[in-house]
Amino acid sequence: QVQLVESGGGLVQTGGSLRLSCAASGRTFSSGIMGWFRQTPGKEREFVAAINWTAGGTNYADPVKGRFTISRGNAKNTVYLQMNSLKPEDTAVYYCAAGFRLLWSNSRYPPSYDYWGQGTQVTVSS
């Protein structure tokens, strides 16, 4: 069983930055894919970014390209989401996800992932 714990959310003004962290436990990440998703009330969970744990390849949703960066931490089993130039439309609950059986081509789709964190709120004020 894998446990994912997100942190780093909060309230920030438009144009500001936040860094989200996702700490994983219960399994050593020598392979697999980790992703970040976000969700607002009444809407489906939306893909934000993903990283291939072994190869280090990354994938971003168009609305966040050039502003967000997903990375692996030096500490084992930690993934970050650096969010710059934040906009009010980035306001959402952000979730970390881990999958060990999905193809990279499916990394944008929530059902592809096996484990999810509890989420962290990000609010961007205008």
N, C-alpha and C. Protein backbone atom coordinates (compact mmCIF):
# COMPACT_ATOMS: atom_id res chain seq x y z
N GLN A 1 0.84 -1.18 0.00
CA GLN A 1 0.00 0.00 0.00
C GLN A 1 0.88 1.24 0.00
N VAL A 2 0.49 2.22 -0.77
CA VAL A 2 1.24 3.47 -0.87
C VAL A 2 0.42 4.59 -0.26
N GLN A 3 1.06 5.40 0.53
CA GLN A 3 0.42 6.59 1.09
C GLN A 3 1.07 7.83 0.48
N LEU A 4 0.23 8.75 0.07
CA LEU A 4 0.69 10.01 -0.51
C LEU A 4 0.17 11.17 0.34
N VAL A 5 1.07 12.08 0.70
CA VAL A 5 0.68 13.22 1.52
C VAL A 5 1.16 14.49 0.84
N GLU A 6 0.20 15.34 0.49
CA GLU A 6 0.54 16.62 -0.13
C GLU A 6 0.69 17.70 0.93
N SER A 7 1.49 18.70 0.61
CA SER A 7 1.62 19.87 1.46
C SER A 7 2.06 21.04 0.60
N GLY A 8 1.97 22.25 1.19
CA GLY A 8 2.45 23.43 0.49
C GLY A 8 1.38 24.32 -0.09
N GLY A 9 0.13 23.91 0.01
CA GLY A 9 -0.94 24.76 -0.50
C GLY A 9 -1.14 25.98 0.38
N GLY A 10 -1.96 26.90 -0.11
CA GLY A 10 -2.24 28.10 0.67
C GLY A 10 -2.87 29.17 -0.18
N LEU A 11 -2.87 30.38 0.36
CA LEU A 11 -3.44 31.56 -0.30
C LEU A 11 -2.31 32.42 -0.84
N VAL A 12 -2.42 32.80 -2.11
CA VAL A 12 -1.39 33.62 -2.73
C VAL A 12 -2.06 34.61 -3.67
N GLN A 13 -1.42 35.73 -3.90
CA GLN A 13 -1.96 36.72 -4.82
C GLN A 13 -1.62 36.35 -6.27
N THR A 14 -2.39 36.90 -7.18
CA THR A 14 -2.11 36.71 -8.59
C THR A 14 -0.66 37.09 -8.91
N GLY A 15 0.00 36.22 -9.67
CA GLY A 15 1.40 36.44 -10.00
C GLY A 15 2.38 35.83 -9.03
N GLY A 16 1.88 35.34 -7.92
CA GLY A 16 2.75 34.75 -6.91
C GLY A 16 3.12 33.31 -7.22
N SER A 17 3.84 32.71 -6.28
CA SER A 17 4.34 31.34 -6.46
C SER A 17 4.05 30.50 -5.23
N LEU A 18 3.91 29.21 -5.48
CA LEU A 18 3.80 28.22 -4.42
C LEU A 18 4.53 26.96 -4.88
N ARG A 19 5.03 26.19 -3.93
CA ARG A 19 5.61 24.89 -4.25
C ARG A 19 4.88 23.82 -3.46
N LEU A 20 4.26 22.92 -4.18
CA LEU A 20 3.58 21.79 -3.55
C LEU A 20 4.55 20.62 -3.45
N SER A 21 4.41 19.87 -2.36
CA SER A 21 5.21 18.67 -2.17
C SER A 21 4.30 17.47 -2.01
N CYS A 22 4.79 16.33 -2.47
CA CYS A 22 4.07 15.07 -2.30
C CYS A 22 5.05 14.05 -1.77
N ALA A 23 4.84 13.62 -0.56
CA ALA A 23 5.70 12.62 0.07
C ALA A 23 5.02 11.26 0.01
N ALA A 24 5.70 10.30 -0.56
CA ALA A 24 5.15 8.96 -0.70
C ALA A 24 5.82 8.01 0.27
N SER A 25 5.05 7.10 0.79
CA SER A 25 5.59 6.08 1.68
C SER A 25 4.91 4.76 1.40
N GLY A 26 5.54 3.69 1.83
CA GLY A 26 4.96 2.36 1.67
C GLY A 26 5.53 1.58 0.51
N ARG A 27 6.31 2.26 -0.34
CA ARG A 27 6.90 1.57 -1.48
C ARG A 27 8.07 2.40 -1.98
N THR A 28 9.14 1.75 -2.37
CA THR A 28 10.27 2.44 -2.94
C THR A 28 10.01 2.71 -4.41
N PHE A 29 10.14 3.97 -4.79
CA PHE A 29 9.81 4.36 -6.15
C PHE A 29 11.01 4.17 -7.07
N SER A 30 11.15 2.98 -7.61
CA SER A 30 12.18 2.74 -8.60
C SER A 30 11.61 2.79 -10.01
N SER A 31 10.30 2.87 -10.10
CA SER A 31 9.65 2.96 -11.40
C SER A 31 8.29 3.60 -11.19
N GLY A 32 7.56 3.75 -12.27
CA GLY A 32 6.21 4.29 -12.16
C GLY A 32 6.12 5.74 -12.59
N ILE A 33 4.94 6.27 -12.45
CA ILE A 33 4.64 7.64 -12.85
C ILE A 33 3.93 8.33 -11.70
N MET A 34 4.30 9.57 -11.46
CA MET A 34 3.59 10.38 -10.46
C MET A 34 3.02 11.60 -11.15
N GLY A 35 1.84 11.95 -10.75
CA GLY A 35 1.16 13.06 -11.39
C GLY A 35 0.54 14.01 -10.40
N TRP A 36 0.24 15.20 -10.88
CA TRP A 36 -0.52 16.19 -10.13
C TRP A 36 -1.80 16.48 -10.90
N PHE A 37 -2.88 16.53 -10.16
CA PHE A 37 -4.19 16.86 -10.72
C PHE A 37 -4.81 17.94 -9.86
N ARG A 38 -5.86 18.58 -10.37
CA ARG A 38 -6.56 19.58 -9.58
C ARG A 38 -8.05 19.48 -9.85
N GLN A 39 -8.81 19.96 -8.88
CA GLN A 39 -10.27 19.86 -8.99
C GLN A 39 -10.92 21.03 -8.29
N THR A 40 -11.95 21.57 -8.93
CA THR A 40 -12.78 22.61 -8.34
C THR A 40 -14.19 22.06 -8.18
N PRO A 41 -14.98 22.64 -7.28
CA PRO A 41 -16.32 22.11 -7.02
C PRO A 41 -17.17 22.02 -8.29
N GLY A 42 -17.78 20.88 -8.48
CA GLY A 42 -18.67 20.69 -9.61
C GLY A 42 -17.99 20.32 -10.91
N LYS A 43 -16.66 20.22 -10.87
CA LYS A 43 -15.93 19.88 -12.09
C LYS A 43 -15.16 18.59 -11.92
N GLU A 44 -14.80 17.98 -13.04
CA GLU A 44 -14.01 16.76 -12.99
C GLU A 44 -12.56 17.07 -12.62
N ARG A 45 -11.90 16.05 -12.10
CA ARG A 45 -10.50 16.21 -11.77
C ARG A 45 -9.71 16.42 -13.07
N GLU A 46 -8.80 17.39 -13.02
CA GLU A 46 -8.12 17.85 -14.23
C GLU A 46 -6.62 17.57 -14.13
N PHE A 47 -6.05 17.06 -15.20
CA PHE A 47 -4.61 16.80 -15.25
C PHE A 47 -3.82 18.11 -15.21
N VAL A 48 -2.73 18.09 -14.44
CA VAL A 48 -1.84 19.25 -14.37
C VAL A 48 -0.46 18.89 -14.93
N ALA A 49 0.17 17.87 -14.35
CA ALA A 49 1.52 17.50 -14.77
C ALA A 49 1.81 16.07 -14.33
N ALA A 50 2.77 15.45 -15.00
CA ALA A 50 3.20 14.10 -14.64
C ALA A 50 4.69 13.96 -14.87
N ILE A 51 5.29 13.03 -14.13
CA ILE A 51 6.72 12.75 -14.29
C ILE A 51 6.94 11.26 -14.27
N ASN A 52 7.78 10.80 -15.19
CA ASN A 52 8.18 9.40 -15.24
C ASN A 52 9.31 9.22 -14.24
N TRP A 53 9.09 8.38 -13.25
CA TRP A 53 10.05 8.31 -12.15
C TRP A 53 11.42 7.83 -12.59
N THR A 54 11.46 6.93 -13.53
CA THR A 54 12.73 6.36 -13.97
C THR A 54 13.44 7.24 -14.98
N ALA A 55 12.74 7.63 -16.03
CA ALA A 55 13.36 8.38 -17.12
C ALA A 55 13.39 9.88 -16.86
N GLY A 56 12.52 10.34 -15.97
CA GLY A 56 12.49 11.76 -15.68
C GLY A 56 11.72 12.61 -16.67
N GLY A 57 11.10 11.96 -17.67
CA GLY A 57 10.31 12.72 -18.61
C GLY A 57 9.12 13.37 -17.95
N THR A 58 8.69 14.52 -18.50
CA THR A 58 7.58 15.26 -17.92
C THR A 58 6.52 15.57 -18.96
N ASN A 59 5.34 15.88 -18.48
CA ASN A 59 4.19 16.14 -19.33
C ASN A 59 3.34 17.18 -18.61
N TYR A 60 2.87 18.18 -19.34
CA TYR A 60 2.10 19.26 -18.72
C TYR A 60 0.81 19.53 -19.47
N ALA A 61 -0.19 19.95 -18.73
CA ALA A 61 -1.41 20.44 -19.35
C ALA A 61 -1.13 21.81 -19.97
N ASP A 62 -1.80 22.10 -21.07
CA ASP A 62 -1.55 23.36 -21.77
C ASP A 62 -1.71 24.60 -20.89
N PRO A 63 -2.72 24.67 -20.01
CA PRO A 63 -2.90 25.90 -19.21
C PRO A 63 -1.76 26.20 -18.25
N VAL A 64 -0.92 25.22 -17.96
CA VAL A 64 0.15 25.45 -16.98
C VAL A 64 1.54 25.40 -17.60
N LYS A 65 1.65 25.09 -18.87
CA LYS A 65 2.95 25.02 -19.52
C LYS A 65 3.67 26.35 -19.42
N GLY A 66 4.95 26.27 -19.06
CA GLY A 66 5.74 27.49 -18.92
C GLY A 66 5.62 28.16 -17.57
N ARG A 67 4.65 27.74 -16.75
CA ARG A 67 4.46 28.33 -15.43
C ARG A 67 4.70 27.33 -14.31
N PHE A 68 4.36 26.07 -14.54
CA PHE A 68 4.50 25.03 -13.53
C PHE A 68 5.64 24.10 -13.91
N THR A 69 6.31 23.56 -12.89
CA THR A 69 7.38 22.59 -13.11
C THR A 69 7.23 21.44 -12.13
N ILE A 70 7.18 20.22 -12.65
CA ILE A 70 7.15 19.03 -11.80
C ILE A 70 8.56 18.47 -11.74
N SER A 71 8.95 18.00 -10.56
CA SER A 71 10.30 17.48 -10.39
C SER A 71 10.33 16.45 -9.28
N ARG A 72 11.39 15.64 -9.33
CA ARG A 72 11.62 14.67 -8.27
C ARG A 72 12.57 15.29 -7.26
N GLY A 73 12.33 15.04 -5.99
CA GLY A 73 13.20 15.58 -4.98
C GLY A 73 14.43 14.73 -4.77
N ASN A 74 15.43 15.29 -4.11
CA ASN A 74 16.61 14.52 -3.76
C ASN A 74 16.26 13.43 -2.75
N ALA A 75 15.33 13.75 -1.86
CA ALA A 75 14.85 12.74 -0.94
C ALA A 75 14.04 11.72 -1.72
N LYS A 76 14.16 10.50 -1.35
CA LYS A 76 13.44 9.46 -2.07
C LYS A 76 11.95 9.65 -1.94
N ASN A 77 11.26 9.32 -2.98
CA ASN A 77 9.81 9.27 -2.98
C ASN A 77 9.16 10.62 -2.72
N THR A 78 9.78 11.69 -3.20
CA THR A 78 9.19 13.01 -3.06
C THR A 78 9.08 13.65 -4.43
N VAL A 79 7.93 14.23 -4.70
CA VAL A 79 7.69 14.94 -5.96
C VAL A 79 7.22 16.35 -5.63
N TYR A 80 7.66 17.30 -6.43
CA TYR A 80 7.29 18.69 -6.22
C TYR A 80 6.53 19.23 -7.43
N LEU A 81 5.74 20.25 -7.16
CA LEU A 81 5.12 21.02 -8.22
C LEU A 81 5.38 22.49 -7.92
N GLN A 82 6.32 23.07 -8.65
CA GLN A 82 6.60 24.49 -8.52
C GLN A 82 5.64 25.26 -9.39
N MET A 83 4.88 26.16 -8.79
CA MET A 83 3.86 26.91 -9.51
C MET A 83 4.20 28.39 -9.47
N ASN A 84 4.47 28.95 -10.62
CA ASN A 84 4.82 30.37 -10.74
C ASN A 84 3.75 31.10 -11.55
N SER A 85 3.77 32.41 -11.46
CA SER A 85 2.82 33.25 -12.20
C SER A 85 1.39 32.76 -12.04
N LEU A 86 1.02 32.52 -10.81
CA LEU A 86 -0.29 31.95 -10.53
C LEU A 86 -1.42 32.90 -10.91
N LYS A 87 -2.51 32.29 -11.36
CA LYS A 87 -3.69 33.03 -11.80
C LYS A 87 -4.89 32.58 -10.96
N PRO A 88 -5.93 33.42 -10.87
CA PRO A 88 -7.12 33.00 -10.12
C PRO A 88 -7.70 31.68 -10.62
N GLU A 89 -7.59 31.40 -11.91
CA GLU A 89 -8.12 30.15 -12.45
C GLU A 89 -7.32 28.93 -12.04
N ASP A 90 -6.19 29.12 -11.38
CA ASP A 90 -5.43 28.00 -10.84
C ASP A 90 -5.98 27.56 -9.48
N THR A 91 -6.91 28.32 -8.93
CA THR A 91 -7.50 27.97 -7.65
C THR A 91 -8.20 26.62 -7.72
N ALA A 92 -7.83 25.70 -6.84
CA ALA A 92 -8.37 24.35 -6.85
C ALA A 92 -7.77 23.57 -5.68
N VAL A 93 -8.31 22.38 -5.48
CA VAL A 93 -7.64 21.41 -4.61
C VAL A 93 -6.70 20.61 -5.50
N TYR A 94 -5.44 20.54 -5.11
CA TYR A 94 -4.44 19.84 -5.89
C TYR A 94 -4.15 18.48 -5.26
N TYR A 95 -4.15 17.46 -6.11
CA TYR A 95 -3.95 16.09 -5.68
C TYR A 95 -2.69 15.50 -6.32
N CYS A 96 -1.98 14.73 -5.52
CA CYS A 96 -0.85 13.95 -6.00
C CYS A 96 -1.35 12.53 -6.26
N ALA A 97 -0.82 11.90 -7.31
CA ALA A 97 -1.22 10.54 -7.65
C ALA A 97 -0.01 9.72 -8.07
N ALA A 98 -0.09 8.42 -7.84
CA ALA A 98 1.00 7.52 -8.22
C ALA A 98 0.43 6.31 -8.94
N GLY A 99 1.12 5.90 -9.98
CA GLY A 99 0.70 4.71 -10.72
C GLY A 99 1.90 3.89 -11.14
N PHE A 100 1.73 2.58 -11.12
CA PHE A 100 2.83 1.69 -11.44
C PHE A 100 2.52 0.77 -12.62
N ARG A 101 1.32 0.91 -13.17
CA ARG A 101 0.94 0.02 -14.25
C ARG A 101 0.49 0.77 -15.49
N LEU A 102 0.50 2.08 -15.45
CA LEU A 102 -0.02 2.84 -16.58
C LEU A 102 1.06 3.12 -17.60
N LEU A 103 0.62 3.30 -18.84
CA LEU A 103 1.51 3.73 -19.89
C LEU A 103 1.68 5.24 -19.83
N TRP A 104 2.81 5.72 -20.29
CA TRP A 104 3.07 7.15 -20.30
C TRP A 104 2.00 7.88 -21.10
N SER A 105 1.51 7.27 -22.15
CA SER A 105 0.47 7.88 -22.99
C SER A 105 -0.85 8.07 -22.24
N ASN A 106 -1.01 7.39 -21.13
CA ASN A 106 -2.23 7.51 -20.32
C ASN A 106 -2.03 8.35 -19.07
N SER A 107 -0.91 9.02 -18.96
CA SER A 107 -0.59 9.72 -17.72
C SER A 107 -1.49 10.93 -17.45
N ARG A 108 -2.29 11.34 -18.42
CA ARG A 108 -3.19 12.47 -18.23
C ARG A 108 -4.54 12.05 -17.66
N TYR A 109 -4.79 10.77 -17.51
CA TYR A 109 -6.12 10.30 -17.17
C TYR A 109 -6.18 9.77 -15.73
N PRO A 110 -7.02 10.37 -14.88
CA PRO A 110 -7.07 9.97 -13.47
C PRO A 110 -7.29 8.48 -13.23
N PRO A 111 -8.15 7.80 -13.98
CA PRO A 111 -8.35 6.37 -13.68
C PRO A 111 -7.10 5.52 -13.88
N SER A 112 -6.07 6.08 -14.54
CA SER A 112 -4.85 5.31 -14.78
C SER A 112 -4.01 5.14 -13.52
N TYR A 113 -4.28 5.95 -12.51
CA TYR A 113 -3.46 5.96 -11.30
C TYR A 113 -4.03 5.06 -10.21
N ASP A 114 -3.10 4.50 -9.43
CA ASP A 114 -3.48 3.55 -8.38
C ASP A 114 -3.70 4.20 -7.02
N TYR A 115 -2.96 5.24 -6.74
CA TYR A 115 -2.99 5.83 -5.39
C TYR A 115 -3.13 7.35 -5.49
N TRP A 116 -3.82 7.90 -4.48
CA TRP A 116 -4.10 9.34 -4.44
C TRP A 116 -3.85 9.88 -3.04
N GLY A 117 -3.40 11.13 -2.98
CA GLY A 117 -3.31 11.83 -1.72
C GLY A 117 -4.64 12.46 -1.35
N GLN A 118 -4.66 13.16 -0.22
CA GLN A 118 -5.89 13.74 0.28
C GLN A 118 -6.17 15.12 -0.30
N GLY A 119 -5.18 15.71 -0.93
CA GLY A 119 -5.36 17.00 -1.57
C GLY A 119 -4.92 18.16 -0.71
N THR A 120 -4.52 19.24 -1.36
CA THR A 120 -4.15 20.47 -0.67
C THR A 120 -4.75 21.65 -1.42
N GLN A 121 -5.33 22.58 -0.67
CA GLN A 121 -6.03 23.71 -1.30
C GLN A 121 -5.06 24.79 -1.74
N VAL A 122 -5.23 25.24 -2.96
CA VAL A 122 -4.50 26.39 -3.48
C VAL A 122 -5.53 27.44 -3.87
N THR A 123 -5.38 28.62 -3.31
CA THR A 123 -6.28 29.72 -3.61
C THR A 123 -5.47 30.92 -4.09
N VAL A 124 -5.82 31.41 -5.28
CA VAL A 124 -5.13 32.55 -5.86
C VAL A 124 -6.11 33.72 -5.91
N SER A 125 -5.78 34.77 -5.19
CA SER A 125 -6.67 35.92 -5.11
C SER A 125 -6.34 36.91 -6.23
N SER A 126 -7.38 37.57 -6.70
CA SER A 126 -7.19 38.53 -7.80
C SER A 126 -6.94 39.93 -7.27
